[in-house]
PDB file of all heavy atoms in Angstrom:
ATOM      1  N   CYS A   1      95.009 -86.597  11.416  1.00  0.00           N
ATOM      2  CA  CYS A   1      94.024 -87.458  12.072  1.00  0.00           C
ATOM      3  C   CYS A   1      93.368 -88.403  11.075  1.00  0.00           C
ATOM      4  O   CYS A   1      93.242 -89.608  11.327  1.00  0.00           O
ATOM      5  CB  CYS A   1      92.983 -86.576  12.763  1.00  0.00           C
ATOM      6  SG  CYS A   1      91.751 -87.506  13.698  1.00  0.00           S
ATOM      7  N   ASP A   2      92.957 -87.873   9.927  1.00  0.00           N
ATOM      8  CA  ASP A   2      92.266 -88.705   8.934  1.00  0.00           C
ATOM      9  C   ASP A   2      93.176 -89.781   8.365  1.00  0.00           C
ATOM     10  O   ASP A   2      92.741 -90.925   8.133  1.00  0.00           O
ATOM     11  CB  ASP A   2      91.723 -87.833   7.805  1.00  0.00           C
ATOM     12  CG  ASP A   2      90.547 -86.971   8.236  1.00  0.00           C
ATOM     13  OD1 ASP A   2      89.993 -87.232   9.324  1.00  0.00           O
ATOM     14  OD2 ASP A   2      90.194 -86.033   7.494  1.00  0.00           O
ATOM     15  N   GLN A   3      94.450 -89.438   8.129  1.00  0.00           N
ATOM     16  CA  GLN A   3      95.398 -90.451   7.644  1.00  0.00           C
ATOM     17  C   GLN A   3      95.442 -91.641   8.599  1.00  0.00           C
ATOM     18  O   GLN A   3      95.386 -92.804   8.182  1.00  0.00           O
ATOM     19  CB  GLN A   3      96.805 -89.858   7.536  1.00  0.00           C
ATOM     20  CG  GLN A   3      97.035 -88.877   6.421  1.00  0.00           C
ATOM     21  CD  GLN A   3      98.459 -88.359   6.469  1.00  0.00           C
ATOM     22  OE1 GLN A   3      99.396 -89.028   6.034  1.00  0.00           O
ATOM     23  NE2 GLN A   3      98.645 -87.164   7.020  1.00  0.00           N
ATOM     24  N   ALA A   4      95.543 -91.350   9.885  1.00  0.00           N
ATOM     25  CA  ALA A   4      95.681 -92.412  10.880  1.00  0.00           C
ATOM     26  C   ALA A   4      94.393 -93.194  11.071  1.00  0.00           C
ATOM     27  O   ALA A   4      94.406 -94.434  11.121  1.00  0.00           O
ATOM     28  CB  ALA A   4      96.132 -91.818  12.209  1.00  0.00           C
ATOM     29  N   ARG A   5      93.268 -92.504  11.185  1.00  0.00           N
ATOM     30  CA  ARG A   5      92.001 -93.174  11.473  1.00  0.00           C
ATOM     31  C   ARG A   5      91.620 -94.143  10.368  1.00  0.00           C
ATOM     32  O   ARG A   5      91.150 -95.258  10.640  1.00  0.00           O
ATOM     33  CB  ARG A   5      90.887 -92.142  11.669  1.00  0.00           C
ATOM     34  CG  ARG A   5      91.001 -91.312  12.944  1.00  0.00           C
ATOM     35  CD  ARG A   5      90.834 -92.146  14.178  1.00  0.00           C
ATOM     36  NE  ARG A   5      90.748 -91.314  15.390  1.00  0.00           N
ATOM     37  CZ  ARG A   5      90.828 -91.790  16.621  1.00  0.00           C
ATOM     38  NH1 ARG A   5      91.022 -93.088  16.825  1.00  0.00           N
ATOM     39  NH2 ARG A   5      90.735 -90.983  17.661  1.00  0.00           N
ATOM     40  N   VAL A   6      91.812 -93.739   9.111  1.00  0.00           N
ATOM     41  CA  VAL A   6      91.459 -94.614   7.991  1.00  0.00           C
ATOM     42  C   VAL A   6      92.294 -95.895   8.027  1.00  0.00           C
ATOM     43  O   VAL A   6      91.780 -97.004   7.834  1.00  0.00           O
ATOM     44  CB  VAL A   6      91.643 -93.870   6.653  1.00  0.00           C
ATOM     45  CG1 VAL A   6      91.554 -94.836   5.479  1.00  0.00           C
ATOM     46  CG2 VAL A   6      90.582 -92.788   6.498  1.00  0.00           C
ATOM     47  N   VAL A   7      93.578 -95.761   8.291  1.00  0.00           N
ATOM     48  CA  VAL A   7      94.454 -96.928   8.360  1.00  0.00           C
ATOM     49  C   VAL A   7      94.068 -97.834   9.530  1.00  0.00           C
ATOM     50  O   VAL A   7      93.948 -99.059   9.385  1.00  0.00           O
ATOM     51  CB  VAL A   7      95.925 -96.478   8.496  1.00  0.00           C
ATOM     52  CG1 VAL A   7      96.816 -97.653   8.882  1.00  0.00           C
ATOM     53  CG2 VAL A   7      96.417 -95.855   7.204  1.00  0.00           C
ATOM     54  N   LEU A   8      93.834 -97.240  10.695  1.00  0.00           N
ATOM     55  CA  LEU A   8      93.560 -98.032  11.892  1.00  0.00           C
ATOM     56  C   LEU A   8      92.194 -98.710  11.858  1.00  0.00           C
ATOM     57  O   LEU A   8      91.977 -99.710  12.550  1.00  0.00           O
ATOM     58  CB  LEU A   8      93.688 -97.145  13.136  1.00  0.00           C
ATOM     59  CG  LEU A   8      95.115 -96.681  13.440  1.00  0.00           C
ATOM     60  CD1 LEU A   8      95.115 -95.593  14.504  1.00  0.00           C
ATOM     61  CD2 LEU A   8      95.971 -97.856  13.891  1.00  0.00           C
ATOM     62  N   GLU A   9      91.277 -98.182  11.081  1.00  0.00           N
ATOM     63  CA  GLU A   9      89.987 -98.851  10.918  1.00  0.00           C
ATOM     64  C   GLU A   9      90.093-100.070  10.016  1.00  0.00           C
ATOM     65  O   GLU A   9      89.211-100.932  10.017  1.00  0.00           O
ATOM     66  CB  GLU A   9      88.967 -97.872  10.347  1.00  0.00           C
ATOM     67  CG  GLU A   9      88.520 -96.809  11.350  1.00  0.00           C
ATOM     68  CD  GLU A   9      87.691 -95.720  10.709  1.00  0.00           C
ATOM     69  OE1 GLU A   9      87.409 -95.821   9.484  1.00  0.00           O
ATOM     70  OE2 GLU A   9      87.326 -94.757  11.422  1.00  0.00           O
ATOM     71  N   ASP A  10      91.186-100.156   9.263  1.00  0.00           N
ATOM     72  CA  ASP A  10      91.357-101.234   8.292  1.00  0.00           C
ATOM     73  C   ASP A  10      92.250-102.355   8.782  1.00  0.00           C
ATOM     74  O   ASP A  10      92.109-103.495   8.340  1.00  0.00           O
ATOM     75  CB  ASP A  10      91.924-100.644   6.996  1.00  0.00           C
ATOM     76  CG  ASP A  10      92.080-101.669   5.893  1.00  0.00           C
ATOM     77  OD1 ASP A  10      91.130-102.433   5.655  1.00  0.00           O
ATOM     78  OD2 ASP A  10      93.155-101.711   5.269  1.00  0.00           O
ATOM     79  N   MET A  11      93.171-102.069   9.689  1.00  0.00           N
ATOM     80  CA  MET A  11      94.156-103.081  10.072  1.00  0.00           C
ATOM     81  C   MET A  11      94.621-102.870  11.514  1.00  0.00           C
ATOM     82  O   MET A  11      94.402-101.811  12.102  1.00  0.00           O
ATOM     83  CB  MET A  11      95.348-103.074   9.113  1.00  0.00           C
ATOM     84  CG  MET A  11      96.076-101.757   9.024  1.00  0.00           C
ATOM     85  SD  MET A  11      97.138-101.621   7.540  1.00  0.00           S
ATOM     86  CE  MET A  11      95.918-101.113   6.310  1.00  0.00           C
ATOM     87  N   THR A  12      95.253-103.900  12.056  1.00  0.00           N
ATOM     88  CA  THR A  12      95.725-103.879  13.439  1.00  0.00           C
ATOM     89  C   THR A  12      97.230-103.664  13.467  1.00  0.00           C
ATOM     90  O   THR A  12      97.974-104.351  12.770  1.00  0.00           O
ATOM     91  CB  THR A  12      95.378-105.209  14.138  1.00  0.00           C
ATOM     92  OG1 THR A  12      93.966-105.401  14.108  1.00  0.00           O
ATOM     93  CG2 THR A  12      95.855-105.198  15.581  1.00  0.00           C
ATOM     94  N   VAL A  13      97.674-102.721  14.280  1.00  0.00           N
ATOM     95  CA  VAL A  13      99.104-102.437  14.362  1.00  0.00           C
ATOM     96  C   VAL A  13      99.683-103.006  15.643  1.00  0.00           C
ATOM     97  O   VAL A  13      98.989-103.154  16.657  1.00  0.00           O
ATOM     98  CB  VAL A  13      99.385-100.928  14.268  1.00  0.00           C
ATOM     99  CG1 VAL A  13      98.849-100.365  12.951  1.00  0.00           C
ATOM    100  CG2 VAL A  13      98.810-100.162  15.441  1.00  0.00           C
ATOM    101  N   ALA A  14     100.980-103.315  15.587  1.00  0.00           N
ATOM    102  CA  ALA A  14     101.675-103.875  16.743  1.00  0.00           C
ATOM    103  C   ALA A  14     102.426-102.821  17.535  1.00  0.00           C
ATOM    104  O   ALA A  14     102.833-103.080  18.667  1.00  0.00           O
ATOM    105  CB  ALA A  14     102.646-104.963  16.292  1.00  0.00           C
ATOM    106  N   ALA A  15     102.615-101.636  16.954  1.00  0.00           N
ATOM    107  CA  ALA A  15     103.329-100.564  17.656  1.00  0.00           C
ATOM    108  C   ALA A  15     103.053 -99.238  16.962  1.00  0.00           C
ATOM    109  O   ALA A  15     102.733 -99.199  15.765  1.00  0.00           O
ATOM    110  CB  ALA A  15     104.833-100.828  17.696  1.00  0.00           C
ATOM    111  N   PHE A  16     103.176 -98.169  17.744  1.00  0.00           N
ATOM    112  CA  PHE A  16     103.159 -96.805  17.225  1.00  0.00           C
ATOM    113  C   PHE A  16     104.541 -96.201  17.412  1.00  0.00           C
ATOM    114  O   PHE A  16     105.216 -96.463  18.415  1.00  0.00           O
ATOM    115  CB  PHE A  16     102.170 -95.918  17.996  1.00  0.00           C
ATOM    116  CG  PHE A  16     100.720 -96.247  17.786  1.00  0.00           C
ATOM    117  CD1 PHE A  16      99.949 -96.727  18.840  1.00  0.00           C
ATOM    118  CD2 PHE A  16     100.117 -96.052  16.552  1.00  0.00           C
ATOM    119  CE1 PHE A  16      98.601 -97.004  18.671  1.00  0.00           C
ATOM    120  CE2 PHE A  16      98.762 -96.329  16.372  1.00  0.00           C
ATOM    121  CZ  PHE A  16      98.000 -96.809  17.425  1.00  0.00           C
ATOM    122  N   LYS A  17     104.926 -95.357  16.461  1.00  0.00           N
ATOM    123  CA  LYS A  17     106.080 -94.488  16.682  1.00  0.00           C
ATOM    124  C   LYS A  17     105.652 -93.065  16.358  1.00  0.00           C
ATOM    125  O   LYS A  17     105.023 -92.827  15.318  1.00  0.00           O
ATOM    126  CB  LYS A  17     107.278 -94.869  15.819  1.00  0.00           C
ATOM    127  CG  LYS A  17     108.455 -93.912  16.087  1.00  0.00           C
ATOM    128  CD  LYS A  17     109.589 -94.015  15.109  1.00  0.00           C
ATOM    129  CE  LYS A  17     110.492 -92.786  15.269  1.00  0.00           C
ATOM    130  NZ  LYS A  17     111.599 -92.747  14.305  1.00  0.00           N
ATOM    131  N   VAL A  18     105.965 -92.122  17.230  1.00  0.00           N
ATOM    132  CA  VAL A  18     105.693 -90.713  16.993  1.00  0.00           C
ATOM    133  C   VAL A  18     107.027 -89.985  16.922  1.00  0.00           C
ATOM    134  O   VAL A  18     107.800 -89.990  17.880  1.00  0.00           O
ATOM    135  CB  VAL A  18     104.797 -90.109  18.090  1.00  0.00           C
ATOM    136  CG1 VAL A  18     104.645 -88.604  17.879  1.00  0.00           C
ATOM    137  CG2 VAL A  18     103.433 -90.778  18.108  1.00  0.00           C
ATOM    138  N   GLY A  19     107.261 -89.362  15.763  1.00  0.00           N
ATOM    139  CA  GLY A  19     108.478 -88.602  15.560  1.00  0.00           C
ATOM    140  C   GLY A  19     108.211 -87.108  15.624  1.00  0.00           C
ATOM    141  O   GLY A  19     107.401 -86.646  16.440  1.00  0.00           O
ATOM    142  N   ALA A  20     108.841 -86.360  14.739  1.00  0.00           N
ATOM    143  CA  ALA A  20     108.744 -84.901  14.773  1.00  0.00           C
ATOM    144  C   ALA A  20     107.354 -84.432  14.368  1.00  0.00           C
ATOM    145  O   ALA A  20     106.774 -84.920  13.393  1.00  0.00           O
ATOM    146  CB  ALA A  20     109.786 -84.291  13.848  1.00  0.00           C
ATOM    147  N   LEU A  21     106.834 -83.475  15.116  1.00  0.00           N
ATOM    148  CA  LEU A  21     105.516 -82.897  14.863  1.00  0.00           C
ATOM    149  C   LEU A  21     105.674 -81.434  14.471  1.00  0.00           C
ATOM    150  O   LEU A  21     106.695 -80.805  14.748  1.00  0.00           O
ATOM    151  CB  LEU A  21     104.638 -83.020  16.103  1.00  0.00           C
ATOM    152  CG  LEU A  21     104.516 -84.432  16.702  1.00  0.00           C
ATOM    153  CD1 LEU A  21     103.645 -84.403  17.941  1.00  0.00           C
ATOM    154  CD2 LEU A  21     103.977 -85.409  15.673  1.00  0.00           C
ATOM    155  N   SER A  22     104.615 -80.876  13.838  1.00  0.00           N
ATOM    156  CA  SER A  22     104.684 -79.504  13.335  1.00  0.00           C
ATOM    157  C   SER A  22     103.837 -78.523  14.118  1.00  0.00           C
ATOM    158  O   SER A  22     103.968 -77.315  13.936  1.00  0.00           O
ATOM    159  CB  SER A  22     104.253 -79.461  11.862  1.00  0.00           C
ATOM    160  OG  SER A  22     105.028 -80.318  11.066  1.00  0.00           O
ATOM    161  N   SER A  23     102.938 -79.024  14.992  1.00  0.00           N
ATOM    162  CA  SER A  23     102.033 -78.110  15.693  1.00  0.00           C
ATOM    163  C   SER A  23     101.475 -78.769  16.940  1.00  0.00           C
ATOM    164  O   SER A  23     101.454 -79.998  17.067  1.00  0.00           O
ATOM    165  CB  SER A  23     100.875 -77.686  14.784  1.00  0.00           C
ATOM    166  OG  SER A  23     100.008 -78.781  14.525  1.00  0.00           O
ATOM    167  N   VAL A  24     100.993 -77.930  17.846  1.00  0.00           N
ATOM    168  CA  VAL A  24     100.309 -78.416  19.046  1.00  0.00           C
ATOM    169  C   VAL A  24      99.049 -79.176  18.662  1.00  0.00           C
ATOM    170  O   VAL A  24      98.698 -80.185  19.289  1.00  0.00           O
ATOM    171  CB  VAL A  24      99.981 -77.240  19.977  1.00  0.00           C
ATOM    172  CG1 VAL A  24      99.099 -77.689  21.136  1.00  0.00           C
ATOM    173  CG2 VAL A  24     101.258 -76.597  20.506  1.00  0.00           C
ATOM    174  N   GLU A  25      98.372 -78.708  17.623  1.00  0.00           N
ATOM    175  CA  GLU A  25      97.146 -79.374  17.172  1.00  0.00           C
ATOM    176  C   GLU A  25      97.433 -80.797  16.705  1.00  0.00           C
ATOM    177  O   GLU A  25      96.638 -81.711  16.950  1.00  0.00           O
ATOM    178  CB  GLU A  25      96.496 -78.566  16.045  1.00  0.00           C
ATOM    179  CG  GLU A  25      95.907 -77.232  16.481  1.00  0.00           C
ATOM    180  CD  GLU A  25      96.962 -76.154  16.719  1.00  0.00           C
ATOM    181  OE1 GLU A  25      98.115 -76.314  16.249  1.00  0.00           O
ATOM    182  OE2 GLU A  25      96.638 -75.145  17.386  1.00  0.00           O
ATOM    183  N   GLN A  26      98.568 -80.987  16.055  1.00  0.00           N
ATOM    184  CA  GLN A  26      98.960 -82.347  15.672  1.00  0.00           C
ATOM    185  C   GLN A  26      99.190 -83.217  16.900  1.00  0.00           C
ATOM    186  O   GLN A  26      98.742 -84.367  16.959  1.00  0.00           O
ATOM    187  CB  GLN A  26     100.235 -82.312  14.830  1.00  0.00           C
ATOM    188  CG  GLN A  26     100.063 -81.833  13.413  1.00  0.00           C
ATOM    189  CD  GLN A  26     101.354 -81.943  12.625  1.00  0.00           C
ATOM    190  OE1 GLN A  26     102.391 -82.384  13.157  1.00  0.00           O
ATOM    191  NE2 GLN A  26     101.325 -81.552  11.362  1.00  0.00           N
ATOM    192  N   ALA A  27      99.895 -82.674  17.875  1.00  0.00           N
ATOM    193  CA  ALA A  27     100.155 -83.428  19.101  1.00  0.00           C
ATOM    194  C   ALA A  27      98.857 -83.848  19.770  1.00  0.00           C
ATOM    195  O   ALA A  27      98.718 -84.996  20.231  1.00  0.00           O
ATOM    196  CB  ALA A  27     101.011 -82.599  20.057  1.00  0.00           C
ATOM    197  N   SER A  28      97.894 -82.952  19.817  1.00  0.00           N
ATOM    198  CA  SER A  28      96.602 -83.261  20.437  1.00  0.00           C
ATOM    199  C   SER A  28      95.872 -84.345  19.672  1.00  0.00           C
ATOM    200  O   SER A  28      95.298 -85.275  20.270  1.00  0.00           O
ATOM    201  CB  SER A  28      95.742 -81.995  20.504  1.00  0.00           C
ATOM    202  OG  SER A  28      96.346 -81.005  21.308  1.00  0.00           O
ATOM    203  N   ALA A  29      95.879 -84.245  18.342  1.00  0.00           N
ATOM    204  CA  ALA A  29      95.193 -85.240  17.523  1.00  0.00           C
ATOM    205  C   ALA A  29      95.820 -86.618  17.694  1.00  0.00           C
ATOM    206  O   ALA A  29      95.115 -87.630  17.847  1.00  0.00           O
ATOM    207  CB  ALA A  29      95.222 -84.815  16.057  1.00  0.00           C
ATOM    208  N   ILE A  30      97.146 -86.682  17.673  1.00  0.00           N
ATOM    209  CA  ILE A  30      97.836 -87.969  17.799  1.00  0.00           C
ATOM    210  C   ILE A  30      97.636 -88.555  19.189  1.00  0.00           C
ATOM    211  O   ILE A  30      97.429 -89.767  19.346  1.00  0.00           O
ATOM    212  CB  ILE A  30      99.323 -87.798  17.468  1.00  0.00           C
ATOM    213  CG1 ILE A  30      99.480 -87.434  15.989  1.00  0.00           C
ATOM    214  CG2 ILE A  30     100.102 -89.070  17.796  1.00  0.00           C
ATOM    215  CD1 ILE A  30     100.884 -87.006  15.601  1.00  0.00           C
TER     216      ILE A  30
END
């Protein structure tokens, strides 16, 4: 969550891609 939030507060993205996840908690956060 922190990796993503810091980046998204700094710049605008044109697309997201979600690949392999390791936990349900990750899925919820993303």
